[in-house]
Amino acid sequence: GLWHFVANGLPKKFKKSDQKESGPDLVKRAISAGAFVSIAHPEWYSLTSEEALSVSHAHAVEIYNHGSTIKSARGNGIFIADILLQEGKKINLTATDDSHFKVSDYGGGWVMVASKKLDEKSIIRALIDGNYYSSTGINIDKIWIDKSIIHIKSSPANYITISGKGYSSKTIEGNNITYAKFDLSTFNSEWFRITISNLNGKKAWSNPYFKSDLIT
């Protein structure tokens, strides 16, 4: 009986939901109204895989929520995101702080958006198109693909990892590393996402890539 969604860019005339409207229907209506819709802090309220699949037409899953991490140690959502990806759902990722300012839960998670203009319409369009990455303190400077090789440049980190279906993963490890490359032709997964992390617990996440969408 509990659903938590974030809908950025809803018009002011958007009709408030009532007790009869289902979660999946609300997501569909918000998207039709032009909003960027994400499934908020699924771990915080123990969203099940079945429930997540019913709202997998949302644009993104919140894979890090700083407020929930600080207040209840339940701020992750990467498991739900991976379940949806493994079911073939092309869903993106978000990180937020979700601060309520009752404790020091602010400034701990955000997205970095590549928007053509600094206005609401352009930012919402960039979010819907997936032109952003999520972070808790690490910058992703550039990601590019040359034939089957993916190249990643970032601020200094200790681990740069690509993760795919099941247990598929590859990692570059080091001190203050700012560049990594991986050969996708030997990576046994139709999709993958990038995680960059350091020993202080700071991370950055790319949105997922699907090999079928990549030009090689």
N, C-alpha and C. Protein backbone atom coordinates (compact mmCIF):
# COMPACT_ATOMS: atom_id res chain seq x y z
N GLY A 1 0.80 -1.21 0.00
CA GLY A 1 0.00 0.00 0.00
C GLY A 1 0.83 1.26 0.00
N LEU A 2 2.16 1.15 -0.11
CA LEU A 2 3.02 2.33 -0.07
C LEU A 2 3.88 2.38 -1.32
N TRP A 3 3.82 3.53 -2.01
CA TRP A 3 4.67 3.75 -3.18
C TRP A 3 5.38 5.08 -3.00
N HIS A 4 6.67 5.11 -3.38
CA HIS A 4 7.42 6.36 -3.36
C HIS A 4 8.05 6.58 -4.73
N PHE A 5 7.63 7.66 -5.39
CA PHE A 5 8.19 8.05 -6.67
C PHE A 5 8.62 9.51 -6.60
N VAL A 6 9.59 9.86 -7.43
CA VAL A 6 9.95 11.26 -7.64
C VAL A 6 9.60 11.58 -9.08
N ALA A 7 8.84 12.66 -9.28
CA ALA A 7 8.44 13.07 -10.63
C ALA A 7 8.89 14.52 -10.84
N ASN A 8 10.04 14.67 -11.46
CA ASN A 8 10.56 16.01 -11.75
C ASN A 8 9.93 16.55 -13.02
N GLY A 9 9.44 17.79 -12.94
CA GLY A 9 8.88 18.43 -14.12
C GLY A 9 7.39 18.26 -14.30
N LEU A 10 6.68 17.89 -13.24
CA LEU A 10 5.21 17.80 -13.35
C LEU A 10 4.61 19.18 -13.56
N PRO A 11 3.62 19.29 -14.43
CA PRO A 11 2.93 20.58 -14.58
C PRO A 11 2.10 20.90 -13.33
N LYS A 12 1.88 22.17 -13.09
CA LYS A 12 1.11 22.58 -11.90
C LYS A 12 -0.31 22.03 -11.92
N LYS A 13 -0.84 21.78 -13.09
CA LYS A 13 -2.22 21.31 -13.20
C LYS A 13 -2.35 19.79 -13.00
N PHE A 14 -1.23 19.11 -12.71
CA PHE A 14 -1.27 17.66 -12.55
C PHE A 14 -2.21 17.29 -11.40
N LYS A 15 -3.14 16.41 -11.68
CA LYS A 15 -4.15 16.03 -10.70
C LYS A 15 -3.55 15.13 -9.63
N LYS A 16 -3.83 15.43 -8.38
CA LYS A 16 -3.35 14.65 -7.26
C LYS A 16 -3.90 13.22 -7.32
N SER A 17 -3.05 12.27 -6.97
CA SER A 17 -3.47 10.87 -6.97
C SER A 17 -4.46 10.62 -5.84
N ASP A 18 -5.30 9.61 -6.02
CA ASP A 18 -6.24 9.23 -4.96
C ASP A 18 -5.98 7.78 -4.54
N GLN A 19 -6.75 7.28 -3.60
CA GLN A 19 -6.54 5.94 -3.05
C GLN A 19 -6.84 4.84 -4.07
N LYS A 20 -7.54 5.17 -5.13
CA LYS A 20 -7.91 4.17 -6.12
C LYS A 20 -6.85 3.98 -7.20
N GLU A 21 -6.00 4.97 -7.37
CA GLU A 21 -4.99 4.89 -8.45
C GLU A 21 -3.83 4.00 -8.03
N SER A 22 -3.46 3.08 -8.89
CA SER A 22 -2.35 2.17 -8.59
C SER A 22 -1.01 2.86 -8.84
N GLY A 23 0.04 2.29 -8.27
CA GLY A 23 1.38 2.82 -8.51
C GLY A 23 1.75 2.82 -9.98
N PRO A 24 1.57 1.70 -10.68
CA PRO A 24 1.89 1.68 -12.11
C PRO A 24 1.11 2.71 -12.92
N ASP A 25 -0.15 2.92 -12.59
CA ASP A 25 -0.95 3.91 -13.30
C ASP A 25 -0.48 5.33 -13.02
N LEU A 26 -0.07 5.58 -11.79
CA LEU A 26 0.44 6.91 -11.43
C LEU A 26 1.73 7.21 -12.19
N VAL A 27 2.62 6.23 -12.27
CA VAL A 27 3.86 6.41 -13.02
C VAL A 27 3.56 6.72 -14.49
N LYS A 28 2.65 5.96 -15.06
CA LYS A 28 2.28 6.17 -16.47
C LYS A 28 1.70 7.56 -16.69
N ARG A 29 0.86 8.01 -15.77
CA ARG A 29 0.22 9.32 -15.92
C ARG A 29 1.24 10.45 -15.76
N ALA A 30 2.19 10.28 -14.85
CA ALA A 30 3.22 11.30 -14.64
C ALA A 30 4.13 11.40 -15.86
N ILE A 31 4.49 10.26 -16.43
CA ILE A 31 5.33 10.27 -17.64
C ILE A 31 4.59 10.92 -18.79
N SER A 32 3.30 10.62 -18.93
CA SER A 32 2.49 11.22 -20.00
C SER A 32 2.40 12.73 -19.85
N ALA A 33 2.52 13.20 -18.60
CA ALA A 33 2.46 14.64 -18.34
C ALA A 33 3.81 15.32 -18.58
N GLY A 34 4.84 14.55 -18.96
CA GLY A 34 6.13 15.11 -19.29
C GLY A 34 7.18 15.05 -18.20
N ALA A 35 6.91 14.33 -17.11
CA ALA A 35 7.84 14.29 -15.99
C ALA A 35 8.90 13.22 -16.17
N PHE A 36 10.03 13.43 -15.50
CA PHE A 36 11.07 12.41 -15.35
C PHE A 36 10.78 11.69 -14.05
N VAL A 37 10.46 10.41 -14.13
CA VAL A 37 9.96 9.66 -12.98
C VAL A 37 10.99 8.62 -12.53
N SER A 38 11.32 8.66 -11.24
CA SER A 38 12.23 7.67 -10.68
C SER A 38 11.58 6.95 -9.51
N ILE A 39 11.98 5.69 -9.33
CA ILE A 39 11.52 4.88 -8.20
C ILE A 39 12.40 5.22 -7.01
N ALA A 40 11.82 5.83 -6.00
CA ALA A 40 12.62 6.38 -4.90
C ALA A 40 12.96 5.32 -3.85
N HIS A 41 14.18 5.44 -3.33
CA HIS A 41 14.71 4.63 -2.21
C HIS A 41 14.01 3.28 -1.99
N PRO A 42 14.13 2.37 -2.97
CA PRO A 42 13.39 1.10 -2.85
C PRO A 42 13.79 0.26 -1.65
N GLU A 43 15.04 0.35 -1.23
CA GLU A 43 15.46 -0.45 -0.07
C GLU A 43 14.84 0.09 1.21
N TRP A 44 14.62 1.40 1.28
CA TRP A 44 14.11 2.02 2.50
C TRP A 44 12.78 1.41 2.93
N TYR A 45 11.90 1.12 1.94
CA TYR A 45 10.61 0.55 2.32
C TYR A 45 10.42 -0.86 1.77
N SER A 46 11.55 -1.53 1.52
CA SER A 46 11.55 -2.95 1.15
C SER A 46 10.68 -3.25 -0.06
N LEU A 47 10.85 -2.45 -1.10
CA LEU A 47 10.15 -2.71 -2.36
C LEU A 47 10.57 -4.07 -2.88
N THR A 48 9.62 -4.90 -3.27
CA THR A 48 9.94 -6.23 -3.76
C THR A 48 10.27 -6.19 -5.25
N SER A 49 10.89 -7.25 -5.72
CA SER A 49 11.21 -7.36 -7.14
C SER A 49 9.93 -7.32 -7.99
N GLU A 50 8.90 -8.01 -7.51
CA GLU A 50 7.63 -8.04 -8.24
C GLU A 50 7.02 -6.65 -8.33
N GLU A 51 7.06 -5.91 -7.23
CA GLU A 51 6.53 -4.55 -7.24
C GLU A 51 7.35 -3.66 -8.17
N ALA A 52 8.67 -3.80 -8.11
CA ALA A 52 9.54 -2.99 -8.98
C ALA A 52 9.27 -3.26 -10.45
N LEU A 53 9.06 -4.52 -10.81
CA LEU A 53 8.76 -4.86 -12.20
C LEU A 53 7.46 -4.22 -12.67
N SER A 54 6.51 -4.05 -11.76
CA SER A 54 5.22 -3.46 -12.14
C SER A 54 5.33 -1.97 -12.46
N VAL A 55 6.43 -1.33 -12.00
CA VAL A 55 6.62 0.10 -12.28
C VAL A 55 7.92 0.33 -13.05
N SER A 56 8.35 -0.69 -13.79
CA SER A 56 9.61 -0.60 -14.52
C SER A 56 9.52 0.29 -15.75
N HIS A 57 8.35 0.84 -16.04
CA HIS A 57 8.23 1.84 -17.11
C HIS A 57 8.67 3.22 -16.62
N ALA A 58 9.03 3.35 -15.34
CA ALA A 58 9.64 4.58 -14.85
C ALA A 58 10.98 4.78 -15.56
N HIS A 59 11.49 6.01 -15.49
CA HIS A 59 12.75 6.29 -16.18
C HIS A 59 13.97 5.77 -15.42
N ALA A 60 13.89 5.74 -14.08
CA ALA A 60 15.11 5.44 -13.31
C ALA A 60 14.76 4.82 -11.96
N VAL A 61 15.78 4.20 -11.38
CA VAL A 61 15.74 3.70 -10.00
C VAL A 61 16.73 4.51 -9.18
N GLU A 62 16.32 4.93 -8.01
CA GLU A 62 17.22 5.64 -7.11
C GLU A 62 18.14 4.61 -6.44
N ILE A 63 19.41 4.59 -6.86
CA ILE A 63 20.32 3.57 -6.36
C ILE A 63 21.11 4.05 -5.14
N TYR A 64 21.00 5.35 -4.83
CA TYR A 64 21.59 5.84 -3.58
C TYR A 64 20.74 6.99 -3.05
N ASN A 65 20.34 6.88 -1.79
CA ASN A 65 19.58 7.92 -1.11
C ASN A 65 20.31 8.24 0.19
N HIS A 66 20.87 9.43 0.27
CA HIS A 66 21.71 9.77 1.42
C HIS A 66 20.91 9.86 2.71
N GLY A 67 19.72 10.44 2.64
CA GLY A 67 18.88 10.54 3.83
C GLY A 67 18.56 9.18 4.41
N SER A 68 18.17 8.24 3.56
CA SER A 68 17.85 6.89 4.03
C SER A 68 19.09 6.17 4.54
N THR A 69 20.23 6.45 3.92
CA THR A 69 21.48 5.84 4.39
C THR A 69 21.82 6.31 5.80
N ILE A 70 21.70 7.61 6.04
CA ILE A 70 22.04 8.19 7.33
C ILE A 70 21.04 7.77 8.41
N LYS A 71 19.76 7.83 8.09
CA LYS A 71 18.72 7.65 9.11
C LYS A 71 18.30 6.21 9.36
N SER A 72 18.46 5.35 8.34
CA SER A 72 17.99 3.97 8.54
C SER A 72 18.93 2.91 8.00
N ALA A 73 20.09 3.33 7.45
CA ALA A 73 21.04 2.39 6.84
C ALA A 73 20.37 1.55 5.76
N ARG A 74 19.41 2.17 5.05
CA ARG A 74 18.71 1.51 3.95
C ARG A 74 18.60 2.46 2.77
N GLY A 75 19.75 2.87 2.25
CA GLY A 75 19.73 3.88 1.20
C GLY A 75 20.10 3.38 -0.18
N ASN A 76 20.32 2.08 -0.33
CA ASN A 76 20.74 1.55 -1.63
C ASN A 76 19.56 1.07 -2.47
N GLY A 77 19.79 1.01 -3.76
CA GLY A 77 18.74 0.50 -4.65
C GLY A 77 19.32 -0.23 -5.84
N ILE A 78 20.64 -0.52 -5.79
CA ILE A 78 21.29 -1.13 -6.95
C ILE A 78 20.78 -2.54 -7.20
N PHE A 79 20.36 -3.24 -6.16
CA PHE A 79 19.83 -4.59 -6.35
C PHE A 79 18.57 -4.55 -7.20
N ILE A 80 17.66 -3.64 -6.88
CA ILE A 80 16.42 -3.50 -7.65
C ILE A 80 16.74 -3.09 -9.08
N ALA A 81 17.67 -2.15 -9.25
CA ALA A 81 18.05 -1.73 -10.61
C ALA A 81 18.58 -2.90 -11.42
N ASP A 82 19.43 -3.72 -10.82
CA ASP A 82 20.01 -4.85 -11.55
C ASP A 82 18.96 -5.91 -11.88
N ILE A 83 18.01 -6.12 -10.98
CA ILE A 83 16.92 -7.06 -11.27
C ILE A 83 16.17 -6.59 -12.52
N LEU A 84 15.86 -5.30 -12.59
CA LEU A 84 15.12 -4.79 -13.75
C LEU A 84 15.96 -4.88 -15.02
N LEU A 85 17.24 -4.57 -14.91
CA LEU A 85 18.13 -4.66 -16.07
C LEU A 85 18.23 -6.10 -16.56
N GLN A 86 18.30 -7.05 -15.64
CA GLN A 86 18.40 -8.45 -16.04
C GLN A 86 17.10 -8.96 -16.65
N GLU A 87 16.02 -8.25 -16.39
CA GLU A 87 14.73 -8.59 -17.02
C GLU A 87 14.55 -7.83 -18.33
N GLY A 88 15.61 -7.16 -18.80
CA GLY A 88 15.57 -6.47 -20.08
C GLY A 88 14.97 -5.08 -20.05
N LYS A 89 14.79 -4.52 -18.84
CA LYS A 89 14.22 -3.19 -18.72
C LYS A 89 15.32 -2.13 -18.86
N LYS A 90 15.15 -1.23 -19.78
CA LYS A 90 16.16 -0.19 -20.00
C LYS A 90 15.88 0.98 -19.06
N ILE A 91 16.33 0.81 -17.84
CA ILE A 91 16.06 1.80 -16.80
C ILE A 91 17.36 2.43 -16.35
N ASN A 92 17.32 3.72 -16.04
CA ASN A 92 18.52 4.44 -15.62
C ASN A 92 18.62 4.50 -14.09
N LEU A 93 19.61 5.23 -13.60
CA LEU A 93 19.91 5.28 -12.17
C LEU A 93 19.94 6.73 -11.70
N THR A 94 19.62 6.96 -10.42
CA THR A 94 19.78 8.28 -9.83
C THR A 94 20.36 8.15 -8.42
N ALA A 95 21.00 9.22 -7.97
CA ALA A 95 21.44 9.36 -6.58
C ALA A 95 20.90 10.69 -6.07
N THR A 96 20.48 10.73 -4.80
CA THR A 96 19.93 11.96 -4.22
C THR A 96 20.36 12.07 -2.75
N ASP A 97 20.14 13.26 -2.19
CA ASP A 97 20.33 13.36 -0.73
C ASP A 97 19.01 13.18 0.01
N ASP A 98 17.87 13.60 -0.58
CA ASP A 98 16.56 13.45 0.04
C ASP A 98 16.57 14.00 1.47
N SER A 99 17.19 15.15 1.63
CA SER A 99 17.41 15.68 2.97
C SER A 99 16.12 16.20 3.60
N HIS A 100 15.92 15.83 4.87
CA HIS A 100 14.83 16.38 5.67
C HIS A 100 15.37 17.27 6.80
N PHE A 101 16.69 17.39 6.87
CA PHE A 101 17.39 18.30 7.78
C PHE A 101 17.10 18.05 9.27
N LYS A 102 16.66 16.84 9.60
CA LYS A 102 16.51 16.48 11.01
C LYS A 102 17.82 15.94 11.56
N VAL A 103 18.64 15.39 10.67
CA VAL A 103 20.00 14.99 10.98
C VAL A 103 20.87 15.52 9.84
N SER A 104 22.16 15.21 9.85
CA SER A 104 23.05 15.72 8.81
C SER A 104 22.94 14.86 7.55
N ASP A 105 21.80 14.95 6.89
CA ASP A 105 21.51 14.09 5.74
C ASP A 105 21.51 14.86 4.42
N TYR A 106 22.21 15.97 4.36
CA TYR A 106 22.17 16.82 3.18
C TYR A 106 23.49 16.74 2.39
N GLY A 107 23.38 17.01 1.10
CA GLY A 107 24.56 17.09 0.25
C GLY A 107 25.29 15.78 0.03
N GLY A 108 24.60 14.66 0.15
CA GLY A 108 25.30 13.38 0.07
C GLY A 108 25.11 12.60 -1.21
N GLY A 109 24.24 13.07 -2.10
CA GLY A 109 24.01 12.36 -3.36
C GLY A 109 23.36 13.29 -4.35
N TRP A 110 23.71 13.14 -5.64
CA TRP A 110 23.18 14.06 -6.65
C TRP A 110 23.40 13.47 -8.04
N VAL A 111 22.86 14.15 -9.04
CA VAL A 111 23.13 13.81 -10.44
C VAL A 111 23.80 14.99 -11.11
N MET A 112 24.68 14.68 -12.05
CA MET A 112 25.37 15.69 -12.87
C MET A 112 24.78 15.60 -14.27
N VAL A 113 24.07 16.64 -14.68
CA VAL A 113 23.28 16.61 -15.90
C VAL A 113 23.99 17.36 -17.03
N ALA A 114 24.04 16.73 -18.21
CA ALA A 114 24.58 17.38 -19.41
C ALA A 114 23.41 17.99 -20.17
N SER A 115 23.07 19.21 -19.79
CA SER A 115 21.92 19.90 -20.39
C SER A 115 22.41 20.97 -21.36
N LYS A 116 21.70 21.11 -22.47
CA LYS A 116 22.08 22.12 -23.47
C LYS A 116 21.86 23.53 -22.95
N LYS A 117 20.87 23.71 -22.08
CA LYS A 117 20.58 25.01 -21.50
C LYS A 117 20.28 24.86 -20.02
N LEU A 118 20.48 25.95 -19.28
CA LEU A 118 20.21 25.92 -17.84
C LEU A 118 18.78 26.39 -17.60
N ASP A 119 17.84 25.58 -18.05
CA ASP A 119 16.43 25.86 -17.79
C ASP A 119 15.70 24.54 -17.57
N GLU A 120 14.51 24.64 -16.99
CA GLU A 120 13.79 23.43 -16.59
C GLU A 120 13.53 22.49 -17.75
N LYS A 121 13.07 23.01 -18.87
CA LYS A 121 12.73 22.16 -20.00
C LYS A 121 13.93 21.37 -20.49
N SER A 122 15.07 22.04 -20.62
CA SER A 122 16.28 21.38 -21.11
C SER A 122 16.80 20.35 -20.12
N ILE A 123 16.75 20.68 -18.83
CA ILE A 123 17.24 19.75 -17.81
C ILE A 123 16.37 18.50 -17.75
N ILE A 124 15.05 18.67 -17.78
CA ILE A 124 14.15 17.52 -17.75
C ILE A 124 14.36 16.66 -18.99
N ARG A 125 14.55 17.30 -20.16
CA ARG A 125 14.79 16.55 -21.38
C ARG A 125 16.07 15.73 -21.28
N ALA A 126 17.13 16.33 -20.71
CA ALA A 126 18.40 15.62 -20.55
C ALA A 126 18.26 14.44 -19.60
N LEU A 127 17.48 14.62 -18.52
CA LEU A 127 17.24 13.52 -17.59
C LEU A 127 16.50 12.38 -18.27
N ILE A 128 15.45 12.70 -19.00
CA ILE A 128 14.67 11.67 -19.68
C ILE A 128 15.53 10.92 -20.70
N ASP A 129 16.42 11.65 -21.37
CA ASP A 129 17.30 11.04 -22.37
C ASP A 129 18.48 10.29 -21.75
N GLY A 130 18.63 10.38 -20.42
CA GLY A 130 19.72 9.68 -19.75
C GLY A 130 21.07 10.37 -19.84
N ASN A 131 21.06 11.67 -20.15
CA ASN A 131 22.31 12.40 -20.31
C ASN A 131 22.79 12.96 -18.96
N TYR A 132 23.15 12.08 -18.08
CA TYR A 132 23.61 12.46 -16.75
C TYR A 132 24.29 11.27 -16.10
N TYR A 133 24.98 11.52 -14.99
CA TYR A 133 25.48 10.43 -14.16
C TYR A 133 25.18 10.75 -12.71
N SER A 134 25.30 9.77 -11.84
CA SER A 134 24.99 9.92 -10.42
C SER A 134 26.27 9.87 -9.61
N SER A 135 26.27 10.58 -8.47
CA SER A 135 27.51 10.65 -7.70
C SER A 135 27.25 10.92 -6.22
N THR A 136 28.23 10.51 -5.42
CA THR A 136 28.30 10.92 -4.02
C THR A 136 29.60 11.66 -3.75
N GLY A 137 30.35 11.97 -4.82
CA GLY A 137 31.58 12.73 -4.62
C GLY A 137 32.67 12.53 -5.64
N ILE A 138 32.49 11.61 -6.59
CA ILE A 138 33.47 11.38 -7.64
C ILE A 138 32.91 11.91 -8.96
N ASN A 139 33.78 12.53 -9.75
CA ASN A 139 33.37 13.05 -11.06
C ASN A 139 33.69 12.06 -12.17
N ILE A 140 32.77 11.91 -13.09
CA ILE A 140 33.05 11.19 -14.34
C ILE A 140 33.31 12.25 -15.40
N ASP A 141 34.52 12.30 -15.89
CA ASP A 141 34.90 13.34 -16.84
C ASP A 141 34.51 13.00 -18.27
N LYS A 142 34.69 11.74 -18.64
CA LYS A 142 34.39 11.37 -20.03
C LYS A 142 34.28 9.86 -20.14
N ILE A 143 33.33 9.40 -20.95
CA ILE A 143 33.20 7.99 -21.31
C ILE A 143 33.06 7.94 -22.83
N TRP A 144 33.88 7.13 -23.47
CA TRP A 144 33.74 7.00 -24.92
C TRP A 144 34.08 5.58 -25.34
N ILE A 145 33.54 5.21 -26.50
CA ILE A 145 33.72 3.85 -27.00
C ILE A 145 34.38 3.91 -28.37
N ASP A 146 35.46 3.15 -28.54
CA ASP A 146 36.17 3.04 -29.80
C ASP A 146 36.19 1.57 -30.19
N LYS A 147 35.38 1.24 -31.20
CA LYS A 147 35.17 -0.15 -31.59
C LYS A 147 34.62 -0.92 -30.38
N SER A 148 35.33 -1.90 -29.87
CA SER A 148 34.79 -2.67 -28.73
C SER A 148 35.39 -2.23 -27.41
N ILE A 149 36.17 -1.17 -27.40
CA ILE A 149 36.85 -0.73 -26.19
C ILE A 149 36.12 0.47 -25.59
N ILE A 150 35.78 0.36 -24.31
CA ILE A 150 35.19 1.50 -23.61
C ILE A 150 36.27 2.16 -22.76
N HIS A 151 36.36 3.47 -22.86
CA HIS A 151 37.35 4.26 -22.13
C HIS A 151 36.63 5.12 -21.09
N ILE A 152 37.21 5.23 -19.92
CA ILE A 152 36.58 5.98 -18.82
C ILE A 152 37.62 6.88 -18.17
N LYS A 153 37.29 8.17 -18.06
CA LYS A 153 38.15 9.12 -17.34
C LYS A 153 37.36 9.72 -16.19
N SER A 154 38.01 9.85 -15.03
CA SER A 154 37.30 10.33 -13.84
C SER A 154 38.25 11.09 -12.93
N SER A 155 37.69 11.66 -11.87
CA SER A 155 38.54 12.18 -10.81
C SER A 155 39.21 11.01 -10.10
N PRO A 156 40.28 11.25 -9.33
CA PRO A 156 41.04 10.14 -8.74
C PRO A 156 40.17 9.18 -7.94
N ALA A 157 40.43 7.88 -8.16
CA ALA A 157 39.65 6.83 -7.50
C ALA A 157 40.55 5.63 -7.25
N ASN A 158 39.98 4.62 -6.60
CA ASN A 158 40.72 3.38 -6.34
C ASN A 158 40.20 2.20 -7.16
N TYR A 159 38.95 2.28 -7.60
CA TYR A 159 38.36 1.18 -8.37
C TYR A 159 37.48 1.75 -9.47
N ILE A 160 37.64 1.21 -10.67
CA ILE A 160 36.73 1.49 -11.77
C ILE A 160 36.21 0.14 -12.26
N THR A 161 34.90 -0.04 -12.19
CA THR A 161 34.29 -1.36 -12.40
C THR A 161 33.18 -1.28 -13.43
N ILE A 162 33.10 -2.29 -14.28
CA ILE A 162 31.90 -2.47 -15.10
C ILE A 162 31.20 -3.72 -14.59
N SER A 163 29.89 -3.60 -14.42
CA SER A 163 29.07 -4.70 -13.90
C SER A 163 27.97 -5.02 -14.90
N GLY A 164 27.70 -6.31 -15.10
CA GLY A 164 26.65 -6.73 -16.01
C GLY A 164 25.76 -7.78 -15.38
N LYS A 165 25.15 -8.61 -16.20
CA LYS A 165 24.20 -9.59 -15.71
C LYS A 165 24.88 -10.61 -14.80
N GLY A 166 24.09 -11.15 -13.88
CA GLY A 166 24.62 -12.16 -12.97
C GLY A 166 25.82 -11.64 -12.20
N TYR A 167 26.91 -12.37 -12.26
CA TYR A 167 28.12 -11.95 -11.55
C TYR A 167 29.16 -11.34 -12.51
N SER A 168 28.76 -11.03 -13.74
CA SER A 168 29.70 -10.49 -14.72
C SER A 168 30.25 -9.14 -14.27
N SER A 169 31.58 -9.03 -14.22
CA SER A 169 32.19 -7.76 -13.83
C SER A 169 33.68 -7.77 -14.19
N LYS A 170 34.22 -6.57 -14.35
CA LYS A 170 35.65 -6.36 -14.54
C LYS A 170 36.04 -5.11 -13.76
N THR A 171 37.22 -5.14 -13.13
CA THR A 171 37.64 -4.02 -12.30
C THR A 171 39.10 -3.66 -12.55
N ILE A 172 39.37 -2.36 -12.61
CA ILE A 172 40.72 -1.83 -12.59
C ILE A 172 40.94 -1.25 -11.19
N GLU A 173 42.04 -1.63 -10.55
CA GLU A 173 42.32 -1.21 -9.17
C GLU A 173 43.64 -0.46 -9.12
N GLY A 174 43.71 0.57 -8.26
CA GLY A 174 44.96 1.29 -8.10
C GLY A 174 44.80 2.48 -7.16
N ASN A 175 45.85 3.26 -7.04
CA ASN A 175 45.84 4.46 -6.22
C ASN A 175 45.72 5.69 -7.11
N ASN A 176 44.71 6.51 -6.85
CA ASN A 176 44.50 7.74 -7.61
C ASN A 176 44.42 7.50 -9.11
N ILE A 177 43.75 6.42 -9.51
CA ILE A 177 43.60 6.15 -10.94
C ILE A 177 42.52 7.07 -11.52
N THR A 178 42.77 7.55 -12.72
CA THR A 178 41.85 8.47 -13.37
C THR A 178 41.43 7.99 -14.76
N TYR A 179 41.89 6.79 -15.14
CA TYR A 179 41.57 6.27 -16.46
C TYR A 179 41.51 4.75 -16.42
N ALA A 180 40.56 4.21 -17.15
CA ALA A 180 40.48 2.76 -17.30
C ALA A 180 39.87 2.45 -18.66
N LYS A 181 40.19 1.27 -19.18
CA LYS A 181 39.57 0.82 -20.42
C LYS A 181 39.25 -0.66 -20.30
N PHE A 182 38.17 -1.07 -20.97
CA PHE A 182 37.72 -2.46 -20.92
C PHE A 182 37.33 -2.89 -22.33
N ASP A 183 37.63 -4.14 -22.64
CA ASP A 183 37.26 -4.72 -23.93
C ASP A 183 35.88 -5.36 -23.79
N LEU A 184 34.89 -4.75 -24.41
CA LEU A 184 33.51 -5.24 -24.28
C LEU A 184 33.28 -6.52 -25.07
N SER A 185 34.15 -6.82 -26.03
CA SER A 185 33.96 -8.03 -26.83
C SER A 185 34.16 -9.29 -26.00
N THR A 186 34.85 -9.15 -24.87
CA THR A 186 35.08 -10.31 -23.99
C THR A 186 34.22 -10.22 -22.72
N PHE A 187 33.27 -9.29 -22.71
CA PHE A 187 32.42 -9.13 -21.53
C PHE A 187 31.08 -9.78 -21.81
N ASN A 188 30.77 -10.84 -21.08
CA ASN A 188 29.61 -11.67 -21.37
C ASN A 188 28.34 -11.13 -20.73
N SER A 189 27.85 -10.02 -21.26
CA SER A 189 26.60 -9.44 -20.78
C SER A 189 26.07 -8.49 -21.85
N GLU A 190 24.75 -8.50 -22.04
CA GLU A 190 24.14 -7.63 -23.03
C GLU A 190 24.11 -6.17 -22.56
N TRP A 191 24.28 -5.97 -21.24
CA TRP A 191 24.26 -4.62 -20.68
C TRP A 191 25.36 -4.51 -19.63
N PHE A 192 25.70 -3.30 -19.32
CA PHE A 192 26.67 -3.07 -18.25
C PHE A 192 26.50 -1.65 -17.73
N ARG A 193 26.94 -1.43 -16.51
CA ARG A 193 26.98 -0.11 -15.92
C ARG A 193 28.34 0.09 -15.28
N ILE A 194 28.73 1.33 -15.08
CA ILE A 194 30.05 1.66 -14.58
C ILE A 194 29.93 2.22 -13.17
N THR A 195 30.77 1.74 -12.26
CA THR A 195 30.86 2.29 -10.91
C THR A 195 32.31 2.68 -10.66
N ILE A 196 32.48 3.89 -10.17
CA ILE A 196 33.82 4.38 -9.82
C ILE A 196 33.79 4.70 -8.33
N SER A 197 34.78 4.20 -7.57
CA SER A 197 34.74 4.38 -6.12
C SER A 197 36.13 4.59 -5.56
N ASN A 198 36.17 5.17 -4.35
CA ASN A 198 37.45 5.32 -3.67
C ASN A 198 37.37 4.72 -2.27
N LEU A 199 38.48 4.73 -1.57
CA LEU A 199 38.54 4.08 -0.26
C LEU A 199 37.81 4.87 0.82
N ASN A 200 37.41 6.09 0.51
CA ASN A 200 36.62 6.89 1.46
C ASN A 200 35.12 6.67 1.30
N GLY A 201 34.74 5.77 0.41
CA GLY A 201 33.33 5.44 0.23
C GLY A 201 32.60 6.30 -0.78
N LYS A 202 33.29 7.23 -1.42
CA LYS A 202 32.66 8.06 -2.45
C LYS A 202 32.54 7.27 -3.74
N LYS A 203 31.45 7.53 -4.47
CA LYS A 203 31.19 6.77 -5.69
C LYS A 203 30.60 7.65 -6.79
N ALA A 204 30.67 7.12 -8.00
CA ALA A 204 29.93 7.67 -9.13
C ALA A 204 29.43 6.49 -9.95
N TRP A 205 28.25 6.66 -10.54
CA TRP A 205 27.64 5.59 -11.35
C TRP A 205 27.24 6.14 -12.70
N SER A 206 27.58 5.43 -13.75
CA SER A 206 27.02 5.77 -15.05
C SER A 206 25.62 5.19 -15.16
N ASN A 207 24.86 5.66 -16.12
CA ASN A 207 23.65 4.96 -16.48
C ASN A 207 24.03 3.69 -17.25
N PRO A 208 23.15 2.70 -17.27
CA PRO A 208 23.47 1.45 -17.96
C PRO A 208 23.62 1.65 -19.47
N TYR A 209 24.47 0.82 -20.04
CA TYR A 209 24.64 0.75 -21.48
C TYR A 209 24.16 -0.61 -21.96
N PHE A 210 23.51 -0.63 -23.12
CA PHE A 210 23.12 -1.87 -23.76
C PHE A 210 23.92 -2.02 -25.03
N LYS A 211 24.58 -3.16 -25.19
CA LYS A 211 25.44 -3.36 -26.35
C LYS A 211 24.69 -3.17 -27.67
N SER A 212 23.42 -3.54 -27.68
CA SER A 212 22.65 -3.41 -28.92
C SER A 212 22.46 -1.96 -29.34
N ASP A 213 22.64 -1.02 -28.41
CA ASP A 213 22.48 0.40 -28.71
C ASP A 213 23.79 1.09 -29.07
N LEU A 214 24.90 0.39 -28.85
CA LEU A 214 26.22 1.01 -29.05
C LEU A 214 26.65 0.90 -30.50
N ILE A 215 27.24 1.99 -31.00
CA ILE A 215 27.80 1.99 -32.34
C ILE A 215 29.28 1.63 -32.22
N THR A 216 29.68 0.53 -32.79
CA THR A 216 31.08 0.10 -32.68
C THR A 216 31.76 0.09 -34.03
